[in-house]
Amino acid sequence: MKINKLIKNSLKGKKKLPKMPRLVPPLEKERNYERWLVQFIEKAAGLIRQRIITQLPRWAKNYEMNRPSNVRNDSDVSDEILAAMEDVKVALAREFTETEIRRFAQMQGLSIAEYNEKILKQGLKRVLGFDVFFAEPYIKSELTMFASLNTQLIVQMRDEMLNRVQKDVMLGFTQGVRHEEIAKGLEDYIDPLDGTIRSRARLIARDQVNKLNGQLTELRQNELGITRYIWRTMGDERVRDSHRSKDGKVFEWSDPPPDTGNPGEDIQCRCYAEPILSDLLTTADQPDEN
């Protein structure tokens, strides 16, 4: 195991290191991401209410008027629904272009990376007594991948939302559902505060922020020569049993638990890896390789 030369020299002869402080996960970054997604949903919900939900009574009336008792002919109403949905999509894309979405994802990735670096440096300085610097040849590709993936996830969330609304409206009419019930179902889905789509936004924010934080923690610890960590949970009621059972146990970065992966890898995982710095003491006293 190779370690940074400055760290190696500073650790020679030492028998014990101070305890590493808690590496607090980036909860504020997670909340910032979710707030932006809620703004996105609020805009979409407003357009859906204005251009879809307000038209449901008229569409329902026209659908019934144009349909004989034994023949369903909803082509005119269907055309109106499709046109209205296209208007919503165009208006939303105008407000939140894919370029803007990608820019947001890039900014989020950079903010998470800066936080991860700051919290790890602070902890290491407390233990080692000096600032640690990272070469980070991996950082550009990691942040580019994060931006691309998260742009895709947000666009996918948008498309799923609009497709769901269109399906619920058209299926509702063909199945004879009252327009009031269709409207209520749509409101329950698009509500930015407590709707199903809000839950989707919360999942994306929590999962993606903690995944990137976990990936950067692994890369940065490995760069310093830290190969093992202690699994730490948030210690609250939301911790899953499969994660709680690992709390306080030692794992190698190269050999993660098969059911969860390393901290942050599992979906919505808020756990973090406390580096085992005592391994560096043994390595520091070993002669340098030629």
C-alpha atoms as a PDB file:
ATOM      1  CA  MET A   1       0.000   0.000   0.000  1.00  0.00           C
ATOM      2  CA  LYS A   2       1.491   3.359  -1.065  1.00  0.00           C
ATOM      3  CA  ILE A   3       0.692   6.527   0.845  1.00  0.00           C
ATOM      4  CA  ASN A   4       1.341  10.200   0.309  1.00  0.00           C
ATOM      5  CA  LYS A   5       5.026  10.943   1.152  1.00  0.00           C
ATOM      6  CA  LEU A   6       4.145  13.907   3.382  1.00  0.00           C
ATOM      7  CA  ILE A   7       1.708  11.745   5.355  1.00  0.00           C
ATOM      8  CA  LYS A   8       4.267   8.943   5.549  1.00  0.00           C
ATOM      9  CA  ASN A   9       6.937  11.217   7.008  1.00  0.00           C
ATOM     10  CA  SER A  10       4.550  12.784   9.514  1.00  0.00           C
ATOM     11  CA  LEU A  11       3.435   9.409  10.845  1.00  0.00           C
ATOM     12  CA  LYS A  12       6.854   7.775  11.327  1.00  0.00           C
ATOM     13  CA  GLY A  13       7.362   6.661  14.891  1.00  0.00           C
ATOM     14  CA  LYS A  14       3.820   7.417  15.992  1.00  0.00           C
ATOM     15  CA  LYS A  15       1.986   4.708  17.913  1.00  0.00           C
ATOM     16  CA  LYS A  16      -1.507   6.171  18.032  1.00  0.00           C
ATOM     17  CA  LEU A  17      -3.631   8.712  16.190  1.00  0.00           C
ATOM     18  CA  PRO A  18      -6.486  10.937  17.420  1.00  0.00           C
ATOM     19  CA  LYS A  19      -9.992   9.734  16.612  1.00  0.00           C
ATOM     20  CA  MET A  20     -11.276  10.733  13.200  1.00  0.00           C
ATOM     21  CA  PRO A  21     -14.245  13.144  13.545  1.00  0.00           C
ATOM     22  CA  ARG A  22     -17.617  12.209  12.084  1.00  0.00           C
ATOM     23  CA  LEU A  23     -17.802  12.715   8.313  1.00  0.00           C
ATOM     24  CA  VAL A  24     -21.247  14.298   8.187  1.00  0.00           C
ATOM     25  CA  PRO A  25     -23.065  13.412   4.933  1.00  0.00           C
ATOM     26  CA  PRO A  26     -24.035  16.340   2.647  1.00  0.00           C
ATOM     27  CA  LEU A  27     -27.616  16.728   3.887  1.00  0.00           C
ATOM     28  CA  GLU A  28     -27.841  20.384   2.843  1.00  0.00           C
ATOM     29  CA  LYS A  29     -26.752  19.498  -0.711  1.00  0.00           C
ATOM     30  CA  GLU A  30     -29.495  16.892  -0.775  1.00  0.00           C
ATOM     31  CA  ARG A  31     -32.066  19.490   0.336  1.00  0.00           C
ATOM     32  CA  ASN A  32     -30.837  22.007  -2.248  1.00  0.00           C
ATOM     33  CA  TYR A  33     -31.208  19.424  -5.013  1.00  0.00           C
ATOM     34  CA  GLU A  34     -34.715  18.537  -3.858  1.00  0.00           C
ATOM     35  CA  ARG A  35     -35.748  22.212  -3.650  1.00  0.00           C
ATOM     36  CA  TRP A  36     -34.750  22.740  -7.264  1.00  0.00           C
ATOM     37  CA  LEU A  37     -36.704  19.663  -8.352  1.00  0.00           C
ATOM     38  CA  VAL A  38     -39.745  20.932  -6.437  1.00  0.00           C
ATOM     39  CA  GLN A  39     -39.555  24.213  -8.381  1.00  0.00           C
ATOM     40  CA  PHE A  40     -39.446  22.141 -11.543  1.00  0.00           C
ATOM     41  CA  ILE A  41     -42.513  20.166 -10.438  1.00  0.00           C
ATOM     42  CA  GLU A  42     -44.374  23.327  -9.390  1.00  0.00           C
ATOM     43  CA  LYS A  43     -43.937  24.783 -12.870  1.00  0.00           C
ATOM     44  CA  ALA A  44     -45.087  21.544 -14.511  1.00  0.00           C
ATOM     45  CA  ALA A  45     -48.059  21.267 -12.135  1.00  0.00           C
ATOM     46  CA  GLY A  46     -49.126  24.824 -12.911  1.00  0.00           C
ATOM     47  CA  LEU A  47     -49.094  24.133 -16.638  1.00  0.00           C
ATOM     48  CA  ILE A  48     -51.012  20.876 -16.182  1.00  0.00           C
ATOM     49  CA  ARG A  49     -53.679  22.609 -14.103  1.00  0.00           C
ATOM     50  CA  GLN A  50     -53.971  25.471 -16.574  1.00  0.00           C
ATOM     51  CA  ARG A  51     -54.004  23.503 -19.810  1.00  0.00           C
ATOM     52  CA  ILE A  52     -55.294  20.063 -18.810  1.00  0.00           C
ATOM     53  CA  ILE A  53     -57.285  19.994 -15.584  1.00  0.00           C
ATOM     54  CA  THR A  54     -59.329  23.119 -16.368  1.00  0.00           C
ATOM     55  CA  GLN A  55     -60.346  21.556 -19.693  1.00  0.00           C
ATOM     56  CA  LEU A  56     -61.537  18.256 -18.244  1.00  0.00           C
ATOM     57  CA  PRO A  57     -65.212  19.305 -17.810  1.00  0.00           C
ATOM     58  CA  ARG A  58     -65.427  20.490 -21.430  1.00  0.00           C
ATOM     59  CA  TRP A  59     -63.639  17.436 -22.785  1.00  0.00           C
ATOM     60  CA  ALA A  60     -65.874  15.147 -20.752  1.00  0.00           C
ATOM     61  CA  LYS A  61     -68.999  16.857 -22.082  1.00  0.00           C
ATOM     62  CA  ASN A  62     -67.814  16.709 -25.706  1.00  0.00           C
ATOM     63  CA  TYR A  63     -66.756  13.105 -25.299  1.00  0.00           C
ATOM     64  CA  GLU A  64     -70.226  12.085 -24.134  1.00  0.00           C
ATOM     65  CA  MET A  65     -72.020  14.175 -26.785  1.00  0.00           C
ATOM     66  CA  ASN A  66     -70.019  12.678 -29.635  1.00  0.00           C
ATOM     67  CA  ARG A  67     -70.326   9.099 -28.464  1.00  0.00           C
ATOM     68  CA  PRO A  68     -73.389   7.021 -29.399  1.00  0.00           C
ATOM     69  CA  SER A  69     -74.571   4.682 -26.680  1.00  0.00           C
ATOM     70  CA  ASN A  70     -73.039   1.645 -28.381  1.00  0.00           C
ATOM     71  CA  VAL A  71     -70.005   3.210 -30.122  1.00  0.00           C
ATOM     72  CA  ARG A  72     -67.067   4.987 -28.565  1.00  0.00           C
ATOM     73  CA  ASN A  73     -65.657   7.707 -30.819  1.00  0.00           C
ATOM     74  CA  ASP A  74     -63.294   9.959 -28.917  1.00  0.00           C
ATOM     75  CA  SER A  75     -61.012  11.012 -31.787  1.00  0.00           C
ATOM     76  CA  ASP A  76     -61.783  14.736 -31.487  1.00  0.00           C
ATOM     77  CA  VAL A  77     -61.245  14.817 -27.737  1.00  0.00           C
ATOM     78  CA  SER A  78     -58.123  12.692 -28.070  1.00  0.00           C
ATOM     79  CA  ASP A  79     -56.660  15.151 -30.540  1.00  0.00           C
ATOM     80  CA  GLU A  80     -57.329  18.015 -28.119  1.00  0.00           C
ATOM     81  CA  ILE A  81     -55.735  16.159 -25.231  1.00  0.00           C
ATOM     82  CA  LEU A  82     -52.639  15.336 -27.275  1.00  0.00           C
ATOM     83  CA  ALA A  83     -52.350  18.938 -28.464  1.00  0.00           C
ATOM     84  CA  ALA A  84     -52.722  20.252 -24.919  1.00  0.00           C
ATOM     85  CA  MET A  85     -50.090  17.834 -23.623  1.00  0.00           C
ATOM     86  CA  GLU A  86     -47.701  18.937 -26.350  1.00  0.00           C
ATOM     87  CA  ASP A  87     -48.297  22.563 -25.312  1.00  0.00           C
ATOM     88  CA  VAL A  88     -47.434  21.673 -21.722  1.00  0.00           C
ATOM     89  CA  LYS A  89     -44.259  19.891 -22.787  1.00  0.00           C
ATOM     90  CA  VAL A  90     -43.122  22.765 -25.004  1.00  0.00           C
ATOM     91  CA  ALA A  91     -43.855  25.372 -22.324  1.00  0.00           C
ATOM     92  CA  LEU A  92     -42.009  23.371 -19.665  1.00  0.00           C
ATOM     93  CA  ALA A  93     -39.038  22.806 -21.962  1.00  0.00           C
ATOM     94  CA  ARG A  94     -38.946  26.540 -22.576  1.00  0.00           C
ATOM     95  CA  GLU A  95     -38.774  27.244 -18.845  1.00  0.00           C
ATOM     96  CA  PHE A  96     -36.294  24.439 -18.083  1.00  0.00           C
ATOM     97  CA  THR A  97     -34.190  23.715 -21.144  1.00  0.00           C
ATOM     98  CA  GLU A  98     -31.979  20.643 -21.189  1.00  0.00           C
ATOM     99  CA  THR A  99     -28.990  23.002 -21.228  1.00  0.00           C
ATOM    100  CA  GLU A 100     -30.217  24.579 -17.983  1.00  0.00           C
ATOM    101  CA  ILE A 101     -30.923  21.182 -16.472  1.00  0.00           C
ATOM    102  CA  ARG A 102     -27.403  20.040 -17.308  1.00  0.00           C
ATOM    103  CA  ARG A 103     -25.940  23.250 -15.890  1.00  0.00           C
ATOM    104  CA  PHE A 104     -27.841  22.627 -12.667  1.00  0.00           C
ATOM    105  CA  ALA A 105     -26.546  19.037 -12.530  1.00  0.00           C
ATOM    106  CA  GLN A 106     -22.983  20.259 -13.104  1.00  0.00           C
ATOM    107  CA  MET A 107     -23.276  22.809 -10.308  1.00  0.00           C
ATOM    108  CA  GLN A 108     -24.693  20.189  -7.950  1.00  0.00           C
ATOM    109  CA  GLY A 109     -21.856  17.795  -8.709  1.00  0.00           C
ATOM    110  CA  LEU A 110     -19.228  20.461  -8.114  1.00  0.00           C
ATOM    111  CA  SER A 111     -20.901  21.544  -4.863  1.00  0.00           C
ATOM    112  CA  ILE A 112     -20.985  17.962  -3.556  1.00  0.00           C
ATOM    113  CA  ALA A 113     -17.343  17.427  -4.533  1.00  0.00           C
ATOM    114  CA  GLU A 114     -16.273  20.613  -2.727  1.00  0.00           C
ATOM    115  CA  TYR A 115     -18.196  19.620   0.376  1.00  0.00           C
ATOM    116  CA  ASN A 116     -16.741  16.106   0.338  1.00  0.00           C
ATOM    117  CA  GLU A 117     -13.208  17.475   0.004  1.00  0.00           C
ATOM    118  CA  LYS A 118     -13.737  20.038   2.781  1.00  0.00           C
ATOM    119  CA  ILE A 119     -15.185  17.616   5.325  1.00  0.00           C
ATOM    120  CA  LEU A 120     -12.506  14.980   4.637  1.00  0.00           C
ATOM    121  CA  LYS A 121      -9.674  17.521   4.792  1.00  0.00           C
ATOM    122  CA  GLN A 122     -10.956  18.914   8.084  1.00  0.00           C
ATOM    123  CA  GLY A 123     -11.093  15.451   9.601  1.00  0.00           C
ATOM    124  CA  LEU A 124      -7.640  14.492   8.369  1.00  0.00           C
ATOM    125  CA  LYS A 125      -6.112  17.769   9.565  1.00  0.00           C
ATOM    126  CA  ARG A 126      -7.426  17.087  13.053  1.00  0.00           C
ATOM    127  CA  VAL A 127      -5.780  13.670  13.018  1.00  0.00           C
ATOM    128  CA  LEU A 128      -2.572  14.404  11.095  1.00  0.00           C
ATOM    129  CA  GLY A 129      -2.013  18.019  12.092  1.00  0.00           C
ATOM    130  CA  PHE A 130      -1.700  19.499   8.592  1.00  0.00           C
ATOM    131  CA  ASP A 131      -3.711  20.058   5.426  1.00  0.00           C
ATOM    132  CA  VAL A 132      -3.907  17.158   2.982  1.00  0.00           C
ATOM    133  CA  PHE A 133      -4.114  17.821  -0.751  1.00  0.00           C
ATOM    134  CA  PHE A 134      -5.490  15.571  -3.448  1.00  0.00           C
ATOM    135  CA  ALA A 135      -4.155  15.192  -7.006  1.00  0.00           C
ATOM    136  CA  GLU A 136      -7.594  13.970  -8.152  1.00  0.00           C
ATOM    137  CA  PRO A 137      -6.934  12.770 -11.718  1.00  0.00           C
ATOM    138  CA  TYR A 138     -10.400  11.192 -11.534  1.00  0.00           C
ATOM    139  CA  ILE A 139     -12.461  14.242 -10.587  1.00  0.00           C
ATOM    140  CA  LYS A 140     -13.301  15.530 -14.071  1.00  0.00           C
ATOM    141  CA  SER A 141     -14.649  12.223 -15.342  1.00  0.00           C
ATOM    142  CA  GLU A 142     -16.625  11.624 -12.124  1.00  0.00           C
ATOM    143  CA  LEU A 143     -18.331  15.020 -12.297  1.00  0.00           C
ATOM    144  CA  THR A 144     -18.990  14.709 -16.029  1.00  0.00           C
ATOM    145  CA  MET A 145     -20.630  11.328 -15.471  1.00  0.00           C
ATOM    146  CA  PHE A 146     -22.696  12.732 -12.592  1.00  0.00           C
ATOM    147  CA  ALA A 147     -23.923  15.653 -14.717  1.00  0.00           C
ATOM    148  CA  SER A 148     -24.859  13.402 -17.636  1.00  0.00           C
ATOM    149  CA  LEU A 149     -26.674  10.850 -15.483  1.00  0.00           C
ATOM    150  CA  ASN A 150     -28.584  13.449 -13.474  1.00  0.00           C
ATOM    151  CA  THR A 151     -29.612  15.382 -16.580  1.00  0.00           C
ATOM    152  CA  GLN A 152     -31.018  12.129 -17.912  1.00  0.00           C
ATOM    153  CA  LEU A 153     -32.815  11.369 -14.630  1.00  0.00           C
ATOM    154  CA  ILE A 154     -34.489  14.795 -14.488  1.00  0.00           C
ATOM    155  CA  VAL A 155     -35.562  14.668 -18.130  1.00  0.00           C
ATOM    156  CA  GLN A 156     -36.865  11.141 -17.565  1.00  0.00           C
ATOM    157  CA  MET A 157     -38.831  12.334 -14.521  1.00  0.00           C
ATOM    158  CA  ARG A 158     -40.367  15.099 -16.642  1.00  0.00           C
ATOM    159  CA  ASP A 159     -41.345  12.725 -19.433  1.00  0.00           C
ATOM    160  CA  GLU A 160     -42.757  10.140 -17.018  1.00  0.00           C
ATOM    161  CA  MET A 161     -44.829  12.859 -15.364  1.00  0.00           C
ATOM    162  CA  LEU A 162     -46.332  14.084 -18.635  1.00  0.00           C
ATOM    163  CA  ASN A 163     -46.929  10.568 -19.952  1.00  0.00           C
ATOM    164  CA  ARG A 164     -48.677   9.610 -16.725  1.00  0.00           C
ATOM    165  CA  VAL A 165     -50.977  12.648 -16.918  1.00  0.00           C
ATOM    166  CA  GLN A 166     -51.855  11.943 -20.556  1.00  0.00           C
ATOM    167  CA  LYS A 167     -52.541   8.272 -19.860  1.00  0.00           C
ATOM    168  CA  ASP A 168     -54.714   9.000 -16.813  1.00  0.00           C
ATOM    169  CA  VAL A 169     -56.839  11.523 -18.719  1.00  0.00           C
ATOM    170  CA  MET A 170     -57.393   9.410 -21.818  1.00  0.00           C
ATOM    171  CA  LEU A 171     -57.856   6.144 -19.954  1.00  0.00           C
ATOM    172  CA  GLY A 172     -60.216   7.842 -17.535  1.00  0.00           C
ATOM    173  CA  PHE A 173     -62.513   9.008 -20.325  1.00  0.00           C
ATOM    174  CA  THR A 174     -62.553   5.641 -22.084  1.00  0.00           C
ATOM    175  CA  GLN A 175     -63.403   3.902 -18.810  1.00  0.00           C
ATOM    176  CA  GLY A 176     -66.219   6.322 -17.970  1.00  0.00           C
ATOM    177  CA  VAL A 177     -64.490   7.942 -14.969  1.00  0.00           C
ATOM    178  CA  ARG A 178     -66.042  11.255 -13.944  1.00  0.00           C
ATOM    179  CA  HIS A 179     -63.895  14.290 -14.773  1.00  0.00           C
ATOM    180  CA  GLU A 180     -63.892  15.303 -11.085  1.00  0.00           C
ATOM    181  CA  GLU A 181     -62.270  11.982 -10.178  1.00  0.00           C
ATOM    182  CA  ILE A 182     -59.745  12.311 -12.978  1.00  0.00           C
ATOM    183  CA  ALA A 183     -58.843  15.790 -11.727  1.00  0.00           C
ATOM    184  CA  LYS A 184     -58.425  14.563  -8.157  1.00  0.00           C
ATOM    185  CA  GLY A 185     -56.165  11.738  -9.290  1.00  0.00           C
ATOM    186  CA  LEU A 186     -54.004  14.169 -11.240  1.00  0.00           C
ATOM    187  CA  GLU A 187     -53.766  16.554  -8.270  1.00  0.00           C
ATOM    188  CA  ASP A 188     -52.715  13.710  -5.987  1.00  0.00           C
ATOM    189  CA  TYR A 189     -49.977  12.838  -8.450  1.00  0.00           C
ATOM    190  CA  ILE A 190     -48.593  16.306  -9.339  1.00  0.00           C
ATOM    191  CA  ASP A 191     -48.881  17.996  -5.923  1.00  0.00           C
ATOM    192  CA  PRO A 192     -45.396  19.550  -5.382  1.00  0.00           C
ATOM    193  CA  LEU A 193     -45.737  19.251  -1.599  1.00  0.00           C
ATOM    194  CA  ASP A 194     -47.096  15.761  -1.087  1.00  0.00           C
ATOM    195  CA  GLY A 195     -47.731  14.148  -4.468  1.00  0.00           C
ATOM    196  CA  THR A 196     -46.327  10.949  -5.884  1.00  0.00           C
ATOM    197  CA  ILE A 197     -44.004  12.912  -8.163  1.00  0.00           C
ATOM    198  CA  ARG A 198     -42.594  14.727  -5.105  1.00  0.00           C
ATOM    199  CA  SER A 199     -41.583  11.365  -3.694  1.00  0.00           C
ATOM    200  CA  ARG A 200     -39.790  10.642  -6.949  1.00  0.00           C
ATOM    201  CA  ALA A 201     -37.923  13.955  -6.694  1.00  0.00           C
ATOM    202  CA  ARG A 202     -36.910  13.227  -3.117  1.00  0.00           C
ATOM    203  CA  LEU A 203     -35.579   9.803  -4.121  1.00  0.00           C
ATOM    204  CA  ILE A 204     -33.487  11.242  -6.968  1.00  0.00           C
ATOM    205  CA  ALA A 205     -32.005  13.968  -4.780  1.00  0.00           C
ATOM    206  CA  ARG A 206     -31.114  11.739  -1.842  1.00  0.00           C
ATOM    207  CA  ASP A 207     -29.845   8.854  -3.950  1.00  0.00           C
ATOM    208  CA  GLN A 208     -27.695  10.845  -6.356  1.00  0.00           C
ATOM    209  CA  VAL A 209     -26.132  13.181  -3.798  1.00  0.00           C
ATOM    210  CA  ASN A 210     -25.115  10.326  -1.513  1.00  0.00           C
ATOM    211  CA  LYS A 211     -23.880   8.170  -4.378  1.00  0.00           C
ATOM    212  CA  LEU A 212     -21.487  10.858  -5.601  1.00  0.00           C
ATOM    213  CA  ASN A 213     -20.390  11.648  -2.042  1.00  0.00           C
ATOM    214  CA  GLY A 214     -19.659   7.962  -1.439  1.00  0.00           C
ATOM    215  CA  GLN A 215     -17.778   7.565  -4.723  1.00  0.00           C
ATOM    216  CA  LEU A 216     -15.567  10.585  -4.032  1.00  0.00           C
ATOM    217  CA  THR A 217     -14.931   9.409  -0.473  1.00  0.00           C
ATOM    218  CA  GLU A 218     -13.690   6.076  -1.817  1.00  0.00           C
ATOM    219  CA  LEU A 219     -11.489   7.648  -4.483  1.00  0.00           C
ATOM    220  CA  ARG A 220      -9.959  10.211  -2.133  1.00  0.00           C
ATOM    221  CA  GLN A 221      -9.294   7.736   0.651  1.00  0.00           C
ATOM    222  CA  ASN A 222      -7.694   5.333  -1.818  1.00  0.00           C
ATOM    223  CA  GLU A 223      -5.547   8.162  -3.164  1.00  0.00           C
ATOM    224  CA  LEU A 224      -4.134   8.648   0.341  1.00  0.00           C
ATOM    225  CA  GLY A 225      -3.490   4.934   0.742  1.00  0.00           C
ATOM    226  CA  ILE A 226      -6.503   4.223   2.969  1.00  0.00           C
ATOM    227  CA  THR A 227      -7.834   0.812   1.981  1.00  0.00           C
ATOM    228  CA  ARG A 228     -10.216   0.027   4.871  1.00  0.00           C
ATOM    229  CA  TYR A 229     -13.070   1.837   6.580  1.00  0.00           C
ATOM    230  CA  ILE A 230     -15.579   1.481   9.412  1.00  0.00           C
ATOM    231  CA  TRP A 231     -19.208   1.479   8.268  1.00  0.00           C
ATOM    232  CA  ARG A 232     -21.203   4.230   9.984  1.00  0.00           C
ATOM    233  CA  THR A 233     -24.955   4.826   9.767  1.00  0.00           C
ATOM    234  CA  MET A 234     -26.950   7.958  10.559  1.00  0.00           C
ATOM    235  CA  GLY A 235     -28.277   6.161  13.642  1.00  0.00           C
ATOM    236  CA  ASP A 236     -31.933   7.084  13.180  1.00  0.00           C
ATOM    237  CA  GLU A 237     -35.160   5.189  12.575  1.00  0.00           C
ATOM    238  CA  ARG A 238     -34.788   5.435   8.790  1.00  0.00           C
ATOM    239  CA  VAL A 239     -31.697   3.193   8.735  1.00  0.00           C
ATOM    240  CA  ARG A 240     -32.482  -0.117   7.054  1.00  0.00           C
ATOM    241  CA  ASP A 241     -31.741  -3.381   8.845  1.00  0.00           C
ATOM    242  CA  SER A 242     -29.226  -4.403   6.181  1.00  0.00           C
ATOM    243  CA  HIS A 243     -27.286  -1.203   6.861  1.00  0.00           C
ATOM    244  CA  ARG A 244     -27.754  -1.147  10.642  1.00  0.00           C
ATOM    245  CA  SER A 245     -26.214  -4.614  10.865  1.00  0.00           C
ATOM    246  CA  LYS A 246     -23.008  -3.236   9.340  1.00  0.00           C
ATOM    247  CA  ASP A 247     -22.665  -0.247  11.667  1.00  0.00           C
ATOM    248  CA  GLY A 248     -19.230  -0.287  13.347  1.00  0.00           C
ATOM    249  CA  LYS A 249     -17.890  -3.133  11.206  1.00  0.00           C
ATOM    250  CA  VAL A 250     -14.712  -2.942   9.140  1.00  0.00           C
ATOM    251  CA  PHE A 251     -14.703  -3.398   5.365  1.00  0.00           C
ATOM    252  CA  GLU A 252     -12.184  -3.049   2.569  1.00  0.00           C
ATOM    253  CA  TRP A 253     -12.940  -0.632  -0.249  1.00  0.00           C
ATOM    254  CA  SER A 254     -11.944  -3.331  -2.718  1.00  0.00           C
ATOM    255  CA  ASP A 255     -14.225  -5.941  -1.124  1.00  0.00           C
ATOM    256  CA  PRO A 256     -17.561  -4.263  -0.280  1.00  0.00           C
ATOM    257  CA  PRO A 257     -20.567  -6.067   1.239  1.00  0.00           C
ATOM    258  CA  PRO A 258     -22.320  -7.880  -1.632  1.00  0.00           C
ATOM    259  CA  ASP A 259     -25.843  -6.854  -0.584  1.00  0.00           C
ATOM    260  CA  THR A 260     -25.271  -3.092  -0.272  1.00  0.00           C
ATOM    261  CA  GLY A 261     -21.954  -2.189  -1.806  1.00  0.00           C
ATOM    262  CA  ASN A 262     -19.808   0.457  -0.103  1.00  0.00           C
ATOM    263  CA  PRO A 263     -21.510   3.313   1.802  1.00  0.00           C
ATOM    264  CA  GLY A 264     -23.574   5.457  -0.567  1.00  0.00           C
ATOM    265  CA  GLU A 265     -23.830   2.843  -3.312  1.00  0.00           C
ATOM    266  CA  ASP A 266     -27.135   1.289  -2.283  1.00  0.00           C
ATOM    267  CA  ILE A 267     -30.246   3.218  -3.290  1.00  0.00           C
ATOM    268  CA  GLN A 268     -30.852   6.183  -0.937  1.00  0.00           C
ATOM    269  CA  CYS A 269     -27.993   5.061   1.321  1.00  0.00           C
ATOM    270  CA  ARG A 270     -27.005   7.798   3.809  1.00  0.00           C
ATOM    271  CA  CYS A 271     -24.218   5.828   5.500  1.00  0.00           C
ATOM    272  CA  TYR A 272     -20.603   6.934   5.365  1.00  0.00           C
ATOM    273  CA  ALA A 273     -17.138   5.406   5.549  1.00  0.00           C
ATOM    274  CA  GLU A 274     -14.928   6.332   8.500  1.00  0.00           C
ATOM    275  CA  PRO A 275     -11.327   5.833   7.305  1.00  0.00           C
ATOM    276  CA  ILE A 276      -9.091   3.484   9.288  1.00  0.00           C
ATOM    277  CA  LEU A 277      -6.022   5.665   9.616  1.00  0.00           C
ATOM    278  CA  SER A 278      -4.232   3.274  11.960  1.00  0.00           C
ATOM    279  CA  ASP A 279      -3.307   1.201   8.895  1.00  0.00           C
ATOM    280  CA  LEU A 280      -1.143   4.111   7.774  1.00  0.00           C
ATOM    281  CA  LEU A 281       1.018   3.886  10.922  1.00  0.00           C
ATOM    282  CA  THR A 282       2.316   0.453   9.959  1.00  0.00           C
ATOM    283  CA  THR A 283       2.899   1.496   6.372  1.00  0.00           C
ATOM    284  CA  ALA A 284       4.696   4.694   7.435  1.00  0.00           C
ATOM    285  CA  ASP A 285       7.352   2.706   9.281  1.00  0.00           C
ATOM    286  CA  GLN A 286       8.020   0.440   6.318  1.00  0.00           C
ATOM    287  CA  PRO A 287      11.041   1.275   4.109  1.00  0.00           C
ATOM    288  CA  ASP A 288      10.311   3.085   0.856  1.00  0.00           C
ATOM    289  CA  GLU A 289      10.107   0.950  -2.276  1.00  0.00           C
ATOM    290  CA  ASN A 290      12.859   1.469  -4.823  1.00  0.00           C
END
